[in-house]
């Protein structure tokens, strides 16, 4: 498949995915009990009058038939008009522009930390005996399966409450960023290590590794110069997915550590029935996922054109 055809197929698929995400959001929010007009007026506790609620419905088109609301909703999204946040009274794009760097920085640091931990765990696995390898494999499975909210609570108790080394919330310093990054990175590191462990075992028992050992290279040298490169390929192919998963995990982590970002803003918007804010963040997150996956696939096509065309 040519590059232009591939790019066209990806663009068409991206539009379909974004439409499905937007439609799902539209339906899901309207299934939540309550009147959206109350959210516009500040929530049920605002004690807005019936006239004020009626005016809000008319202003935002909530008094129109549901099908017409849906078409108006899609029309605004097509022009990148996400509207104004009900709760913050600011344009959604402006709010996202303010908090987006925090989430991207957190996700990038967590991705780098996860890869560093995975490489260290893989190297350590080469120097332990069978019992140590079994223990390491169990720890990798636990790390990959542990939920972020539980891990974050444990890290706060250990490093903040017991040891007093790190702050329990993100205070804008490097120390404040350490626990959020570690909470996001550890589960991903366990998953990457599991992938690399299987590939590493095959690579270290392959013909090129045996030939290198026969030439007098040490086991550790073969690991760093030959085995690790081949073992990392399966994990590298999932880096795009991993980065996108970190963005979704940021919803929980940012709430736990009181860190401003897209995830925390999304959680607050859902609780406040802030439809424009929820729509903008969810669609942007879906777009980031699509773009990252497309870039990853493009790199794989450039590295292995034969595999991409098959």
Protein backbone atom coordinates (compact mmCIF):
# COMPACT_ATOMS: atom_id res chain seq x y z
CA UNK A 1 0.00 0.00 0.00
CA UNK A 2 1.39 3.42 -1.02
CA UNK A 3 2.09 6.18 1.46
CA UNK A 4 -0.73 8.40 0.17
CA UNK A 5 -3.26 5.57 0.30
CA UNK A 6 -2.09 4.64 3.79
CA UNK A 7 -2.37 8.24 4.99
CA UNK A 8 -5.83 8.55 3.44
CA UNK A 9 -7.00 5.35 5.12
CA UNK A 10 -5.68 6.57 8.47
CA UNK A 11 -7.36 9.97 8.10
CA UNK A 12 -10.68 8.35 7.21
CA UNK A 13 -10.41 5.97 10.13
CA UNK A 14 -9.58 8.86 12.47
CA UNK A 15 -12.72 10.75 11.43
CA UNK A 16 -14.86 7.68 12.05
CA UNK A 17 -13.33 7.12 15.49
CA UNK A 18 -13.79 10.78 16.47
CA UNK A 19 -17.43 10.68 15.31
CA UNK A 20 -18.06 7.54 17.35
CA UNK A 21 -16.43 9.09 20.42
CA UNK A 22 -18.46 12.29 20.02
CA UNK A 23 -21.69 10.34 19.57
CA UNK A 24 -20.98 8.16 22.61
CA UNK A 25 -20.32 11.25 24.73
CA UNK A 26 -23.53 12.91 23.52
CA UNK A 27 -25.63 9.88 24.42
CA UNK A 28 -23.87 9.06 27.71
CA UNK A 29 -24.14 12.56 29.15
CA UNK A 30 -27.84 12.77 28.37
CA UNK A 31 -28.44 9.46 30.11
CA UNK A 32 -27.09 10.90 33.37
CA UNK A 33 -30.00 11.86 35.65
CA UNK A 34 -30.56 15.59 36.07
CA UNK A 35 -31.21 18.69 34.03
CA UNK A 36 -28.26 20.00 31.97
CA UNK A 37 -29.67 23.51 32.40
CA UNK A 38 -29.00 23.24 36.13
CA UNK A 39 -25.35 22.48 35.40
CA UNK A 40 -25.19 25.59 33.24
CA UNK A 41 -26.64 27.69 36.07
CA UNK A 42 -24.17 26.33 38.61
CA UNK A 43 -25.65 22.99 39.69
CA UNK A 44 -28.70 21.96 41.74
CA UNK A 45 -27.57 24.14 44.63
CA UNK A 46 -27.81 27.33 42.57
CA UNK A 47 -31.59 27.54 43.19
CA UNK A 48 -32.09 29.02 39.74
CA UNK A 49 -35.61 30.13 38.91
CA UNK A 50 -37.74 28.37 36.31
CA UNK A 51 -37.37 31.39 34.03
CA UNK A 52 -33.58 31.30 34.29
CA UNK A 53 -33.50 27.57 33.53
CA UNK A 54 -35.77 28.09 30.52
CA UNK A 55 -33.51 30.87 29.25
CA UNK A 56 -30.44 28.63 29.63
CA UNK A 57 -32.16 25.83 27.69
CA UNK A 58 -33.05 28.24 24.90
CA UNK A 59 -29.54 29.73 24.77
CA UNK A 60 -27.81 26.34 24.50
CA UNK A 61 -30.47 24.70 22.32
CA UNK A 62 -31.53 22.26 25.02
CA UNK A 63 -35.20 22.99 24.30
CA UNK A 64 -34.84 21.61 20.76
CA UNK A 65 -35.62 18.02 19.70
CA UNK A 66 -32.84 15.58 20.55
CA UNK A 67 -32.02 14.91 16.87
CA UNK A 68 -31.61 18.63 16.21
CA UNK A 69 -29.44 18.98 19.33
CA UNK A 70 -27.22 16.20 17.99
CA UNK A 71 -26.83 17.86 14.57
CA UNK A 72 -26.04 21.22 16.17
CA UNK A 73 -23.53 19.46 18.43
CA UNK A 74 -21.74 17.82 15.49
CA UNK A 75 -21.78 21.06 13.52
CA UNK A 76 -19.97 22.93 16.28
CA UNK A 77 -17.42 20.15 16.68
CA UNK A 78 -16.76 20.20 12.93
CA UNK A 79 -15.67 23.84 13.28
CA UNK A 80 -13.60 23.04 16.40
CA UNK A 81 -16.04 25.03 18.52
CA UNK A 82 -16.15 23.21 21.87
CA UNK A 83 -18.08 26.02 23.51
CA UNK A 84 -17.71 27.47 26.99
CA UNK A 85 -17.28 25.46 30.17
CA UNK A 86 -20.46 25.49 32.24
CA UNK A 87 -18.61 25.43 35.56
CA UNK A 88 -15.55 27.58 34.81
CA UNK A 89 -17.22 30.04 32.39
CA UNK A 90 -14.18 30.00 30.10
CA UNK A 91 -13.66 28.67 26.56
CA UNK A 92 -12.90 24.96 26.63
CA UNK A 93 -9.93 25.35 24.27
CA UNK A 94 -8.39 27.95 26.59
CA UNK A 95 -8.74 25.69 29.63
CA UNK A 96 -7.26 22.71 27.78
CA UNK A 97 -4.36 24.84 26.58
CA UNK A 98 -3.55 25.76 30.18
CA UNK A 99 -3.61 22.22 31.63
CA UNK A 100 -2.41 20.21 28.61
CA UNK A 101 1.35 20.79 29.17
CA UNK A 102 1.07 19.40 32.71
CA UNK A 103 -0.50 16.14 31.54
CA UNK A 104 1.85 15.71 28.57
CA UNK A 105 4.91 16.34 30.77
CA UNK A 106 3.67 13.84 33.35
CA UNK A 107 2.98 11.20 30.68
CA UNK A 108 6.34 11.67 28.95
CA UNK A 109 8.25 11.41 32.23
CA UNK A 110 6.26 8.31 33.20
CA UNK A 111 6.96 6.71 29.80
CA UNK A 112 10.69 7.37 30.15
CA UNK A 113 10.71 6.06 33.73
CA UNK A 114 8.79 2.94 32.69
CA UNK A 115 11.30 2.16 29.95
CA UNK A 116 14.25 2.77 32.29
CA UNK A 117 12.75 0.46 34.93
CA UNK A 118 11.94 -2.19 32.31
CA UNK A 119 15.52 -2.16 31.02
CA UNK A 120 16.92 -2.39 34.57
CA UNK A 121 14.57 -5.25 35.48
CA UNK A 122 15.48 -7.10 32.28
CA UNK A 123 19.22 -6.68 32.93
CA UNK A 124 18.77 -7.81 36.54
CA UNK A 125 16.88 -10.91 35.41
CA UNK A 126 20.01 -12.04 33.53
CA UNK A 127 22.08 -12.08 36.72
CA UNK A 128 19.78 -13.94 39.12
CA UNK A 129 19.22 -17.65 39.62
CA UNK A 130 16.03 -19.57 38.83
CA UNK A 131 14.41 -18.69 42.17
CA UNK A 132 15.20 -15.03 41.66
CA UNK A 133 13.77 -15.17 38.13
CA UNK A 134 10.52 -16.66 39.43
CA UNK A 135 10.26 -13.98 42.12
CA UNK A 136 10.99 -11.31 39.55
CA UNK A 137 8.32 -12.69 37.21
CA UNK A 138 5.75 -12.61 40.03
CA UNK A 139 6.65 -9.01 40.86
CA UNK A 140 6.32 -8.03 37.20
CA UNK A 141 2.83 -9.54 37.01
CA UNK A 142 1.77 -7.77 40.22
CA UNK A 143 3.19 -4.44 38.99
CA UNK A 144 1.40 -4.75 35.64
CA UNK A 145 -1.94 -5.60 37.27
CA UNK A 146 -2.01 -3.17 40.21
CA UNK A 147 -4.53 -0.31 39.78
CA UNK A 148 -3.25 3.25 39.84
CA UNK A 149 -5.46 4.41 42.70
CA UNK A 150 -4.23 1.62 45.00
CA UNK A 151 -0.59 2.05 44.02
CA UNK A 152 -0.80 5.80 44.52
CA UNK A 153 -2.25 5.37 48.01
CA UNK A 154 0.47 2.88 48.97
CA UNK A 155 3.26 5.13 47.68
CA UNK A 156 1.84 8.09 49.61
CA UNK A 157 1.72 6.08 52.84
CA UNK A 158 5.25 4.74 52.34
CA UNK A 159 7.20 7.72 51.01
CA UNK A 160 5.18 10.54 52.55
CA UNK A 161 3.54 9.34 55.75
CA UNK A 162 6.13 6.78 56.95
CA UNK A 163 9.46 7.90 55.49
CA UNK A 164 8.63 11.57 54.96
CA UNK A 165 10.82 11.74 51.85
CA UNK A 166 8.28 13.06 49.34
CA UNK A 167 5.17 15.28 49.53
CA UNK A 168 1.76 13.60 49.39
CA UNK A 169 0.51 16.05 46.74
CA UNK A 170 2.11 17.64 43.71
CA UNK A 171 3.52 20.97 44.92
CA UNK A 172 5.07 22.01 41.62
CA UNK A 173 8.59 20.83 42.50
CA UNK A 174 10.61 17.83 41.30
CA UNK A 175 9.89 16.05 44.57
CA UNK A 176 6.19 16.66 44.14
CA UNK A 177 6.31 15.13 40.67
CA UNK A 178 8.14 11.96 41.76
CA UNK A 179 5.18 10.03 43.20
CA UNK A 180 2.76 10.78 40.32
CA UNK A 181 5.39 9.69 37.80
CA UNK A 182 6.17 6.52 39.75
CA UNK A 183 2.47 5.69 40.12
CA UNK A 184 1.99 5.87 36.35
CA UNK A 185 5.31 4.24 35.44
CA UNK A 186 5.37 1.11 37.63
CA UNK A 187 2.39 -0.75 36.07
CA UNK A 188 3.63 0.06 32.57
CA UNK A 189 7.17 -1.02 33.51
CA UNK A 190 5.84 -4.38 34.69
CA UNK A 191 4.00 -4.88 31.40
CA UNK A 192 7.00 -3.88 29.27
CA UNK A 193 9.31 -6.13 31.28
CA UNK A 194 6.99 -9.09 30.73
CA UNK A 195 7.12 -8.49 26.97
CA UNK A 196 10.89 -8.05 26.97
CA UNK A 197 11.50 -11.09 29.19
CA UNK A 198 9.94 -13.54 26.71
CA UNK A 199 11.69 -11.96 23.73
CA UNK A 200 14.94 -11.76 25.66
CA UNK A 201 14.85 -15.46 26.47
CA UNK A 202 14.46 -16.28 22.78
CA UNK A 203 17.15 -13.79 21.75
CA UNK A 204 19.72 -15.08 24.26
CA UNK A 205 19.23 -18.66 23.08
CA UNK A 206 19.35 -17.79 19.37
CA UNK A 207 22.17 -18.60 16.98
CA UNK A 208 23.67 -15.10 16.91
CA UNK A 209 23.85 -15.01 20.74
CA UNK A 210 25.44 -18.46 20.91
CA UNK A 211 27.95 -17.43 18.24
CA UNK A 212 28.84 -14.29 20.22
CA UNK A 213 29.38 -16.34 23.38
CA UNK A 214 31.57 -18.72 21.38
CA UNK A 215 33.73 -15.74 20.34
CA UNK A 216 34.42 -15.10 24.02
CA UNK A 217 31.89 -12.38 24.82
CA UNK A 218 30.42 -12.45 28.31
CA UNK A 219 26.75 -13.12 28.92
CA UNK A 220 26.21 -9.53 30.02
CA UNK A 221 27.96 -8.17 26.93
CA UNK A 222 25.80 -10.33 24.68
CA UNK A 223 22.76 -9.04 26.54
CA UNK A 224 23.58 -5.36 26.01
CA UNK A 225 24.97 -5.62 22.47
CA UNK A 226 22.64 -8.20 20.94
CA UNK A 227 19.85 -9.53 23.13
CA UNK A 228 18.42 -6.26 24.40
CA UNK A 229 18.02 -4.78 20.92
CA UNK A 230 15.93 -7.72 19.72
CA UNK A 231 14.06 -8.06 23.00
CA UNK A 232 13.00 -4.40 22.97
CA UNK A 233 11.37 -4.53 19.51
CA UNK A 234 8.01 -5.99 20.67
CA UNK A 235 7.82 -3.43 23.48
CA UNK A 236 8.80 -0.58 21.15
CA UNK A 237 5.90 -1.43 18.86
CA UNK A 238 3.55 -0.83 21.80
CA UNK A 239 5.05 2.50 22.84
CA UNK A 240 2.27 4.41 21.09
CA UNK A 241 -0.37 2.44 22.95
CA UNK A 242 1.60 2.83 26.18
CA UNK A 243 1.72 6.62 25.90
CA UNK A 244 -2.02 6.76 25.25
CA UNK A 245 -2.69 4.51 28.25
CA UNK A 246 -0.67 6.90 30.40
CA UNK A 247 -2.95 9.75 29.33
CA UNK A 248 -5.98 7.78 30.50
CA UNK A 249 -4.22 6.81 33.73
CA UNK A 250 -3.58 10.49 34.38
CA UNK A 251 -7.29 10.90 35.20
CA UNK A 252 -6.79 8.90 38.40
CA UNK A 253 -3.24 10.00 39.21
CA UNK A 254 -3.91 13.71 38.85
CA UNK A 255 -6.93 13.41 41.13
CA UNK A 256 -4.97 11.48 43.78
CA UNK A 257 -2.03 13.88 43.87
CA UNK A 258 -4.06 17.09 43.31
CA UNK A 259 -2.10 17.82 40.13
CA UNK A 260 -3.72 20.17 37.59
CA UNK A 261 -4.09 18.54 34.19
CA UNK A 262 -6.46 17.13 31.61
CA UNK A 263 -7.32 14.11 33.74
CA UNK A 264 -8.29 16.08 36.82
CA UNK A 265 -10.23 18.58 34.69
CA UNK A 266 -12.12 15.72 33.03
CA UNK A 267 -13.10 14.21 36.37
CA UNK A 268 -14.35 17.56 37.66
CA UNK A 269 -16.27 18.16 34.44
CA UNK A 270 -18.02 14.78 34.62
CA UNK A 271 -19.09 15.40 38.21
CA UNK A 272 -20.40 18.84 37.25
CA UNK A 273 -22.14 17.62 34.06
CA UNK A 274 -20.00 20.13 32.19
CA UNK A 275 -20.85 18.84 28.71
CA UNK A 276 -18.55 21.13 26.66
CA UNK A 277 -15.57 20.37 28.90
CA UNK A 278 -16.15 16.61 28.87
CA UNK A 279 -16.58 16.63 25.10
CA UNK A 280 -13.47 18.69 24.44
CA UNK A 281 -11.14 16.67 26.66
CA UNK A 282 -12.47 13.28 25.54
CA UNK A 283 -12.21 14.16 21.85
CA UNK A 284 -8.73 15.61 22.31
CA UNK A 285 -7.60 12.47 24.16
CA UNK A 286 -8.98 10.31 21.34
CA UNK A 287 -7.17 12.48 18.79
CA UNK A 288 -3.88 12.17 20.68
CA UNK A 289 -4.29 8.39 20.72
CA UNK A 290 -4.95 8.31 16.97
CA UNK A 291 -1.99 10.56 16.17
CA UNK A 292 0.44 8.66 18.41
CA UNK A 293 -0.62 5.31 16.98
CA UNK A 294 -0.30 6.65 13.42
CA UNK A 295 3.20 7.98 14.14
CA UNK A 296 4.19 4.64 15.65
CA UNK A 297 2.89 2.74 12.64
CA UNK A 298 4.63 5.18 10.31
CA UNK A 299 7.95 4.57 12.06
CA UNK A 300 7.41 0.82 11.80
CA UNK A 301 6.67 1.18 8.08
CA UNK A 302 9.89 3.14 7.63
CA UNK A 303 11.93 0.56 9.56
CA UNK A 304 10.29 -2.49 7.98
CA UNK A 305 8.67 -1.57 4.64
CA UNK A 306 8.24 -5.24 3.69
CA UNK A 307 6.28 -6.00 6.83
CA UNK A 308 4.10 -2.90 6.42
CA UNK A 309 3.12 -3.75 2.84
CA UNK A 310 2.20 -7.34 3.67
